[in-house]
PDB file of all heavy atoms in Angstrom:
ATOM      1  N   PRO A   1       0.888  -1.238   0.105  1.00  0.00           N
ATOM      2  CA  PRO A   1       0.046  -0.031  -0.069  1.00  0.00           C
ATOM      3  C   PRO A   1       0.801   1.366  -0.079  1.00  0.00           C
ATOM      4  O   PRO A   1       1.857   1.362   0.636  1.00  0.00           O
ATOM      5  CB  PRO A   1      -0.753  -0.089   1.250  1.00  0.00           C
ATOM      6  CG  PRO A   1      -0.090  -1.169   2.143  1.00  0.00           C
ATOM      7  CD  PRO A   1       0.638  -2.066   1.160  1.00  0.00           C
ATOM      8  N   ILE A   2       0.334   2.315  -0.733  1.00  0.00           N
ATOM      9  CA  ILE A   2       0.965   3.555  -0.736  1.00  0.00           C
ATOM     10  C   ILE A   2       0.541   4.396   0.500  1.00  0.00           C
ATOM     11  O   ILE A   2       1.329   4.968   1.088  1.00  0.00           O
ATOM     12  CB  ILE A   2       0.565   4.433  -2.045  1.00  0.00           C
ATOM     13  CG1 ILE A   2       1.052   3.612  -3.316  1.00  0.00           C
ATOM     14  CG2 ILE A   2       1.045   5.688  -1.983  1.00  0.00           C
ATOM     15  CD1 ILE A   2       0.430   4.064  -4.558  1.00  0.00           C
ATOM     16  N   SER A   3      -0.682   4.126   0.952  1.00  0.00           N
ATOM     17  CA  SER A   3      -1.154   4.840   2.144  1.00  0.00           C
ATOM     18  C   SER A   3      -2.306   3.976   2.733  1.00  0.00           C
ATOM     19  O   SER A   3      -3.056   3.263   1.999  1.00  0.00           O
ATOM     20  CB  SER A   3      -1.770   6.245   1.638  1.00  0.00           C
ATOM     21  OG  SER A   3      -2.450   6.824   2.815  1.00  0.00           O
ATOM     22  N   ASP A   4      -2.471   4.153   4.048  1.00  0.00           N
ATOM     23  CA  ASP A   4      -3.588   3.527   4.669  1.00  0.00           C
ATOM     24  C   ASP A   4      -4.803   4.579   4.797  1.00  0.00           C
ATOM     25  O   ASP A   4      -5.872   4.034   5.347  1.00  0.00           O
ATOM     26  CB  ASP A   4      -3.281   2.977   6.087  1.00  0.00           C
ATOM     27  CG  ASP A   4      -2.318   1.868   6.022  1.00  0.00           C
ATOM     28  OD1 ASP A   4      -2.296   1.136   4.954  1.00  0.00           O
ATOM     29  OD2 ASP A   4      -1.452   1.708   6.895  1.00  0.00           O
ATOM     30  N   GLU A   5      -4.619   5.576   4.153  1.00  0.00           N
ATOM     31  CA  GLU A   5      -5.767   6.672   4.245  1.00  0.00           C
ATOM     32  C   GLU A   5      -6.626   6.697   2.969  1.00  0.00           C
ATOM     33  O   GLU A   5      -6.201   6.312   1.952  1.00  0.00           O
ATOM     34  CB  GLU A   5      -5.245   7.997   4.438  1.00  0.00           C
ATOM     35  CG  GLU A   5      -4.171   8.141   5.692  1.00  0.00           C
ATOM     36  CD  GLU A   5      -4.956   8.016   7.009  1.00  0.00           C
ATOM     37  OE1 GLU A   5      -6.131   8.479   7.027  1.00  0.00           O
ATOM     38  OE2 GLU A   5      -4.374   7.502   7.878  1.00  0.00           O
ATOM     39  N   LEU A   6      -7.835   7.108   3.163  1.00  0.00           N
ATOM     40  CA  LEU A   6      -8.892   7.174   2.060  1.00  0.00           C
ATOM     41  C   LEU A   6      -8.485   8.029   0.951  1.00  0.00           C
ATOM     42  O   LEU A   6      -8.891   7.934  -0.132  1.00  0.00           O
ATOM     43  CB  LEU A   6     -10.243   7.406   2.719  1.00  0.00           C
ATOM     44  CG  LEU A   6     -11.424   7.032   1.923  1.00  0.00           C
ATOM     45  CD1 LEU A   6     -11.424   5.554   1.511  1.00  0.00           C
ATOM     46  CD2 LEU A   6     -12.729   7.476   2.573  1.00  0.00           C
ATOM     47  N   TRP A   7      -7.736   9.113   1.325  1.00  0.00           N
ATOM     48  CA  TRP A   7      -7.462  10.211   0.347  1.00  0.00           C
ATOM     49  C   TRP A   7      -6.617   9.686  -0.887  1.00  0.00           C
ATOM     50  O   TRP A   7      -6.801  10.211  -1.951  1.00  0.00           O
ATOM     51  CB  TRP A   7      -6.453  11.234   0.959  1.00  0.00           C
ATOM     52  CG  TRP A   7      -5.079  10.737   1.426  1.00  0.00           C
ATOM     53  CD1 TRP A   7      -4.670  10.264   2.643  1.00  0.00           C
ATOM     54  CD2 TRP A   7      -3.981  10.701   0.566  1.00  0.00           C
ATOM     55  NE1 TRP A   7      -3.291   9.814   2.491  1.00  0.00           N
ATOM     56  CE2 TRP A   7      -2.955  10.009   1.310  1.00  0.00           C
ATOM     57  CE3 TRP A   7      -3.751  10.913  -0.837  1.00  0.00           C
ATOM     58  CZ2 TRP A   7      -1.495   9.827   0.744  1.00  0.00           C
ATOM     59  CZ3 TRP A   7      -2.460  10.788  -1.412  1.00  0.00           C
ATOM     60  CH2 TRP A   7      -1.403  10.160  -0.654  1.00  0.00           C
ATOM     61  N   ILE A   8      -5.993   8.495  -0.870  1.00  0.00           N
ATOM     62  CA  ILE A   8      -5.321   7.896  -1.930  1.00  0.00           C
ATOM     63  C   ILE A   8      -6.187   7.553  -3.188  1.00  0.00           C
ATOM     64  O   ILE A   8      -5.954   7.867  -4.256  1.00  0.00           O
ATOM     65  CB  ILE A   8      -4.284   6.828  -1.515  1.00  0.00           C
ATOM     66  CG1 ILE A   8      -3.319   6.438  -2.594  1.00  0.00           C
ATOM     67  CG2 ILE A   8      -5.053   5.590  -1.249  1.00  0.00           C
ATOM     68  CD1 ILE A   8      -2.156   7.484  -2.718  1.00  0.00           C
ATOM     69  N   TYR A   9      -7.295   7.008  -2.682  1.00  0.00           N
ATOM     70  CA  TYR A   9      -8.345   6.558  -3.666  1.00  0.00           C
ATOM     71  C   TYR A   9      -8.943   7.740  -4.352  1.00  0.00           C
ATOM     72  O   TYR A   9      -9.168   7.694  -5.601  1.00  0.00           O
ATOM     73  CB  TYR A   9      -9.545   5.802  -2.978  1.00  0.00           C
ATOM     74  CG  TYR A   9      -8.864   4.593  -2.383  1.00  0.00           C
ATOM     75  CD1 TYR A   9      -8.631   4.529  -0.932  1.00  0.00           C
ATOM     76  CD2 TYR A   9      -8.427   3.456  -3.036  1.00  0.00           C
ATOM     77  CE1 TYR A   9      -8.157   3.384  -0.358  1.00  0.00           C
ATOM     78  CE2 TYR A   9      -7.830   2.302  -2.406  1.00  0.00           C
ATOM     79  CZ  TYR A   9      -7.658   2.231  -1.048  1.00  0.00           C
ATOM     80  OH  TYR A   9      -7.156   1.122  -0.525  1.00  0.00           O
ATOM     81  N   TYR A  10      -9.210   8.830  -3.539  1.00  0.00           N
ATOM     82  CA  TYR A  10      -9.875  10.050  -4.204  1.00  0.00           C
ATOM     83  C   TYR A  10      -8.943  10.733  -5.095  1.00  0.00           C
ATOM     84  O   TYR A  10      -9.277  11.320  -6.099  1.00  0.00           O
ATOM     85  CB  TYR A  10     -10.360  11.034  -3.084  1.00  0.00           C
ATOM     86  CG  TYR A  10     -11.643  10.459  -2.437  1.00  0.00           C
ATOM     87  CD1 TYR A  10     -11.700   9.860  -1.095  1.00  0.00           C
ATOM     88  CD2 TYR A  10     -12.918  10.634  -3.018  1.00  0.00           C
ATOM     89  CE1 TYR A  10     -12.838   9.382  -0.552  1.00  0.00           C
ATOM     90  CE2 TYR A  10     -14.019  10.133  -2.414  1.00  0.00           C
ATOM     91  CZ  TYR A  10     -13.971   9.665  -1.125  1.00  0.00           C
ATOM     92  OH  TYR A  10     -15.163   9.135  -0.565  1.00  0.00           O
ATOM     93  N   THR A  11      -7.643  10.785  -4.658  1.00  0.00           N
ATOM     94  CA  THR A  11      -6.698  11.314  -5.476  1.00  0.00           C
ATOM     95  C   THR A  11      -6.529  10.713  -6.646  1.00  0.00           C
ATOM     96  O   THR A  11      -6.291  11.201  -7.839  1.00  0.00           O
ATOM     97  CB  THR A  11      -5.252  11.376  -4.723  1.00  0.00           C
ATOM     98  OG1 THR A  11      -5.408  12.071  -3.523  1.00  0.00           O
ATOM     99  CG2 THR A  11      -4.205  12.187  -5.539  1.00  0.00           C
ATOM    100  N   GLY A  12      -6.513   9.382  -6.731  1.00  0.00           N
ATOM    101  CA  GLY A  12      -6.449   8.504  -7.830  1.00  0.00           C
ATOM    102  C   GLY A  12      -7.576   8.800  -8.865  1.00  0.00           C
ATOM    103  O   GLY A  12      -7.250   9.081 -10.085  1.00  0.00           O
ATOM    104  N   VAL A  13      -8.847   8.853  -8.312  1.00  0.00           N
ATOM    105  CA  VAL A  13      -9.955   9.075  -9.283  1.00  0.00           C
ATOM    106  C   VAL A  13      -9.797  10.528  -9.796  1.00  0.00           C
ATOM    107  O   VAL A  13     -10.080  10.771 -10.904  1.00  0.00           O
ATOM    108  CB  VAL A  13     -11.307   8.871  -8.419  1.00  0.00           C
ATOM    109  CG1 VAL A  13     -12.504   9.390  -9.340  1.00  0.00           C
ATOM    110  CG2 VAL A  13     -11.466   7.379  -8.205  1.00  0.00           C
ATOM    111  N   LEU A  14      -9.476  11.457  -8.966  1.00  0.00           N
ATOM    112  CA  LEU A  14      -9.255  12.895  -9.390  1.00  0.00           C
ATOM    113  C   LEU A  14      -8.258  12.978 -10.478  1.00  0.00           C
ATOM    114  O   LEU A  14      -8.498  13.652 -11.460  1.00  0.00           O
ATOM    115  CB  LEU A  14      -8.959  13.782  -8.133  1.00  0.00           C
ATOM    116  CG  LEU A  14      -8.833  15.228  -8.495  1.00  0.00           C
ATOM    117  CD1 LEU A  14     -10.243  15.707  -8.973  1.00  0.00           C
ATOM    118  CD2 LEU A  14      -8.283  16.007  -7.252  1.00  0.00           C
ATOM    119  N   CYS A  15      -7.129  12.388 -10.358  1.00  0.00           N
ATOM    120  CA  CYS A  15      -6.127  12.364 -11.419  1.00  0.00           C
ATOM    121  C   CYS A  15      -6.524  11.811 -12.765  1.00  0.00           C
ATOM    122  O   CYS A  15      -6.325  12.123 -13.765  1.00  0.00           O
ATOM    123  CB  CYS A  15      -4.727  11.510 -10.926  1.00  0.00           C
ATOM    124  SG  CYS A  15      -3.950  12.369  -9.774  1.00  0.00           S
ATOM    125  N   VAL A  16      -7.359  10.664 -12.578  1.00  0.00           N
ATOM    126  CA  VAL A  16      -7.895  10.004 -13.846  1.00  0.00           C
ATOM    127  C   VAL A  16      -8.722  11.081 -14.501  1.00  0.00           C
ATOM    128  O   VAL A  16      -8.693  11.291 -15.830  1.00  0.00           O
ATOM    129  CB  VAL A  16      -8.618   8.737 -13.482  1.00  0.00           C
ATOM    130  CG1 VAL A  16      -9.488   8.287 -14.786  1.00  0.00           C
ATOM    131  CG2 VAL A  16      -7.781   7.623 -13.006  1.00  0.00           C
ATOM    132  N   TRP A  17      -9.726  11.686 -13.775  1.00  0.00           N
ATOM    133  CA  TRP A  17     -10.646  12.681 -14.401  1.00  0.00           C
ATOM    134  C   TRP A  17      -9.904  13.842 -15.036  1.00  0.00           C
ATOM    135  O   TRP A  17     -10.295  14.253 -16.073  1.00  0.00           O
ATOM    136  CB  TRP A  17     -11.813  13.035 -13.468  1.00  0.00           C
ATOM    137  CG  TRP A  17     -12.840  12.045 -13.519  1.00  0.00           C
ATOM    138  CD1 TRP A  17     -13.117  11.143 -12.352  1.00  0.00           C
ATOM    139  CD2 TRP A  17     -13.869  11.610 -14.493  1.00  0.00           C
ATOM    140  NE1 TRP A  17     -14.199  10.315 -12.745  1.00  0.00           N
ATOM    141  CE2 TRP A  17     -14.590  10.646 -13.998  1.00  0.00           C
ATOM    142  CE3 TRP A  17     -14.006  12.162 -15.783  1.00  0.00           C
ATOM    143  CZ2 TRP A  17     -15.706  10.064 -14.824  1.00  0.00           C
ATOM    144  CZ3 TRP A  17     -15.074  11.626 -16.448  1.00  0.00           C
ATOM    145  CH2 TRP A  17     -15.832  10.606 -16.091  1.00  0.00           C
ATOM    146  N   ILE A  18      -9.001  14.475 -14.172  1.00  0.00           N
ATOM    147  CA  ILE A  18      -8.262  15.636 -14.668  1.00  0.00           C
ATOM    148  C   ILE A  18      -7.530  15.111 -15.917  1.00  0.00           C
ATOM    149  O   ILE A  18      -7.472  15.936 -17.038  1.00  0.00           O
ATOM    150  CB  ILE A  18      -7.319  16.133 -13.685  1.00  0.00           C
ATOM    151  CG1 ILE A  18      -8.145  16.876 -12.562  1.00  0.00           C
ATOM    152  CG2 ILE A  18      -6.302  17.123 -14.281  1.00  0.00           C
ATOM    153  CD1 ILE A  18      -7.337  17.183 -11.260  1.00  0.00           C
ATOM    154  N   GLY A  19      -6.913  13.976 -16.022  1.00  0.00           N
ATOM    155  CA  GLY A  19      -6.174  13.534 -17.304  1.00  0.00           C
ATOM    156  C   GLY A  19      -7.047  13.362 -18.513  1.00  0.00           C
ATOM    157  O   GLY A  19      -6.716  13.830 -19.464  1.00  0.00           O
ATOM    158  N   ILE A  20      -8.254  12.789 -18.262  1.00  0.00           N
ATOM    159  CA  ILE A  20      -9.212  12.589 -19.389  1.00  0.00           C
ATOM    160  C   ILE A  20      -9.620  13.978 -19.943  1.00  0.00           C
ATOM    161  O   ILE A  20      -9.626  14.235 -21.159  1.00  0.00           O
ATOM    162  CB  ILE A  20     -10.386  11.783 -18.995  1.00  0.00           C
ATOM    163  CG1 ILE A  20      -9.944  10.313 -18.629  1.00  0.00           C
ATOM    164  CG2 ILE A  20     -11.571  11.803 -20.002  1.00  0.00           C
ATOM    165  CD1 ILE A  20     -11.057   9.592 -17.997  1.00  0.00           C
ATOM    166  N   ILE A  21     -10.097  14.796 -18.986  1.00  0.00           N
ATOM    167  CA  ILE A  21     -10.642  16.302 -19.394  1.00  0.00           C
ATOM    168  C   ILE A  21      -9.493  16.986 -20.025  1.00  0.00           C
ATOM    169  O   ILE A  21      -9.716  17.614 -21.119  1.00  0.00           O
ATOM    170  CB  ILE A  21     -11.161  16.910 -18.220  1.00  0.00           C
ATOM    171  CG1 ILE A  21     -12.525  16.104 -17.744  1.00  0.00           C
ATOM    172  CG2 ILE A  21     -11.605  18.317 -18.445  1.00  0.00           C
ATOM    173  CD1 ILE A  21     -13.056  16.294 -16.420  1.00  0.00           C
ATOM    174  N   LEU A  22      -8.342  17.080 -19.470  1.00  0.00           N
ATOM    175  CA  LEU A  22      -7.353  17.927 -20.112  1.00  0.00           C
ATOM    176  C   LEU A  22      -6.780  17.432 -21.341  1.00  0.00           C
ATOM    177  O   LEU A  22      -6.449  18.202 -22.238  1.00  0.00           O
ATOM    178  CB  LEU A  22      -6.158  18.238 -19.053  1.00  0.00           C
ATOM    179  CG  LEU A  22      -6.610  19.092 -17.855  1.00  0.00           C
ATOM    180  CD1 LEU A  22      -5.497  19.354 -16.863  1.00  0.00           C
ATOM    181  CD2 LEU A  22      -7.163  20.502 -18.266  1.00  0.00           C
ATOM    182  N   ARG A  23      -6.702  16.073 -21.477  1.00  0.00           N
ATOM    183  CA  ARG A  23      -6.333  15.387 -22.656  1.00  0.00           C
ATOM    184  C   ARG A  23      -7.329  15.859 -23.749  1.00  0.00           C
ATOM    185  O   ARG A  23      -6.847  16.202 -24.906  1.00  0.00           O
ATOM    186  CB  ARG A  23      -6.165  13.959 -22.549  1.00  0.00           C
ATOM    187  CG  ARG A  23      -5.610  13.265 -23.885  1.00  0.00           C
ATOM    188  CD  ARG A  23      -5.104  11.850 -23.531  1.00  0.00           C
ATOM    189  NE  ARG A  23      -5.274  10.831 -24.713  1.00  0.00           N
ATOM    190  CZ  ARG A  23      -4.424  10.927 -25.742  1.00  0.00           C
ATOM    191  NH1 ARG A  23      -3.334  11.810 -25.871  1.00  0.00           N
ATOM    192  NH2 ARG A  23      -4.552  10.085 -26.628  1.00  0.00           N
ATOM    193  N   TYR A  24      -8.559  15.806 -23.480  1.00  0.00           N
ATOM    194  CA  TYR A  24      -9.595  16.286 -24.420  1.00  0.00           C
ATOM    195  C   TYR A  24      -9.468  17.604 -24.792  1.00  0.00           C
ATOM    196  O   TYR A  24      -9.524  17.998 -26.069  1.00  0.00           O
ATOM    197  CB  TYR A  24     -10.967  15.898 -23.886  1.00  0.00           C
ATOM    198  CG  TYR A  24     -12.149  16.349 -24.662  1.00  0.00           C
ATOM    199  CD1 TYR A  24     -12.566  15.630 -25.813  1.00  0.00           C
ATOM    200  CD2 TYR A  24     -12.738  17.658 -24.402  1.00  0.00           C
ATOM    201  CE1 TYR A  24     -13.620  16.214 -26.590  1.00  0.00           C
ATOM    202  CE2 TYR A  24     -13.794  18.097 -25.118  1.00  0.00           C
ATOM    203  CZ  TYR A  24     -14.250  17.370 -26.253  1.00  0.00           C
ATOM    204  OH  TYR A  24     -15.057  17.901 -27.034  1.00  0.00           O
ATOM    205  N   ILE A  25      -9.235  18.497 -23.902  1.00  0.00           N
ATOM    206  CA  ILE A  25      -9.041  19.980 -24.188  1.00  0.00           C
ATOM    207  C   ILE A  25      -7.824  20.220 -25.043  1.00  0.00           C
ATOM    208  O   ILE A  25      -7.853  20.922 -26.060  1.00  0.00           O
ATOM    209  CB  ILE A  25      -8.862  20.710 -22.810  1.00  0.00           C
ATOM    210  CG1 ILE A  25     -10.303  20.846 -22.127  1.00  0.00           C
ATOM    211  CG2 ILE A  25      -8.350  22.162 -23.066  1.00  0.00           C
ATOM    212  CD1 ILE A  25     -10.228  21.347 -20.771  1.00  0.00           C
ATOM    213  N   ILE A  26      -6.805  19.359 -24.776  1.00  0.00           N
ATOM    214  CA  ILE A  26      -5.465  19.495 -25.646  1.00  0.00           C
ATOM    215  C   ILE A  26      -5.866  19.153 -27.005  1.00  0.00           C
ATOM    216  O   ILE A  26      -5.471  19.751 -28.048  1.00  0.00           O
ATOM    217  CB  ILE A  26      -4.443  18.682 -25.096  1.00  0.00           C
ATOM    218  CG1 ILE A  26      -3.918  19.371 -23.864  1.00  0.00           C
ATOM    219  CG2 ILE A  26      -3.292  18.457 -25.995  1.00  0.00           C
ATOM    220  CD1 ILE A  26      -3.362  20.637 -23.975  1.00  0.00           C
ATOM    221  N   ILE A  27      -6.579  17.964 -27.245  1.00  0.00           N
ATOM    222  CA  ILE A  27      -6.719  17.406 -28.480  1.00  0.00           C
ATOM    223  C   ILE A  27      -7.708  18.397 -29.231  1.00  0.00           C
ATOM    224  O   ILE A  27      -7.489  18.755 -30.464  1.00  0.00           O
ATOM    225  CB  ILE A  27      -7.438  16.042 -28.483  1.00  0.00           C
ATOM    226  CG1 ILE A  27      -6.300  14.961 -27.972  1.00  0.00           C
ATOM    227  CG2 ILE A  27      -8.118  15.565 -29.663  1.00  0.00           C
ATOM    228  CD1 ILE A  27      -6.887  13.711 -27.550  1.00  0.00           C
ATOM    229  N   ARG A  28      -8.822  18.964 -28.546  1.00  0.00           N
ATOM    230  CA  ARG A  28      -9.597  19.877 -29.220  1.00  0.00           C
ATOM    231  C   ARG A  28      -8.832  21.165 -29.694  1.00  0.00           C
ATOM    232  O   ARG A  28      -9.192  21.800 -30.672  1.00  0.00           O
ATOM    233  CB  ARG A  28     -10.736  20.278 -28.324  1.00  0.00           C
ATOM    234  CG  ARG A  28     -11.678  19.212 -27.999  1.00  0.00           C
ATOM    235  CD  ARG A  28     -12.804  18.975 -29.024  1.00  0.00           C
ATOM    236  NE  ARG A  28     -13.555  20.274 -29.124  1.00  0.00           N
ATOM    237  CZ  ARG A  28     -14.438  20.501 -30.130  1.00  0.00           C
ATOM    238  NH1 ARG A  28     -14.621  19.582 -30.961  1.00  0.00           N
ATOM    239  NH2 ARG A  28     -15.068  21.635 -30.223  1.00  0.00           N
ATOM    240  N   SER A  29      -7.964  21.684 -28.793  1.00  0.00           N
ATOM    241  CA  SER A  29      -7.157  22.890 -29.117  1.00  0.00           C
ATOM    242  C   SER A  29      -6.224  22.555 -30.425  1.00  0.00           C
ATOM    243  O   SER A  29      -5.945  23.600 -31.080  1.00  0.00           O
ATOM    244  CB  SER A  29      -6.245  23.322 -27.889  1.00  0.00           C
ATOM    245  OG  SER A  29      -5.106  22.417 -27.713  1.00  0.00           O
ATOM    246  N   LEU A  30      -5.826  21.439 -30.656  1.00  0.00           N
ATOM    247  CA  LEU A  30      -5.044  21.207 -31.764  1.00  0.00           C
ATOM    248  C   LEU A  30      -5.866  21.145 -33.055  1.00  0.00           C
ATOM    249  O   LEU A  30      -5.404  21.262 -34.184  1.00  0.00           O
ATOM    250  CB  LEU A  30      -4.072  19.915 -31.790  1.00  0.00           C
ATOM    251  CG  LEU A  30      -2.874  19.994 -30.981  1.00  0.00           C
ATOM    252  CD1 LEU A  30      -2.126  18.677 -30.935  1.00  0.00           C
ATOM    253  CD2 LEU A  30      -1.868  21.064 -31.718  1.00  0.00           C
ATOM    254  N   GLY A  31      -7.209  20.779 -32.809  1.00  0.00           N
ATOM    255  CA  GLY A  31      -8.122  20.771 -33.993  1.00  0.00           C
ATOM    256  C   GLY A  31      -7.676  19.753 -35.025  1.00  0.00           C
ATOM    257  O   GLY A  31      -7.214  18.569 -34.687  1.00  0.00           O
TER     258      GLY A  31
END
């Protein structure tokens, strides 16, 4: 385990969503 705290799971989900959304924005910006 990286951590015994719940924050690690929320951080993971948040990183996944930020990655998906910002990748989409980047792809759109390149047109």
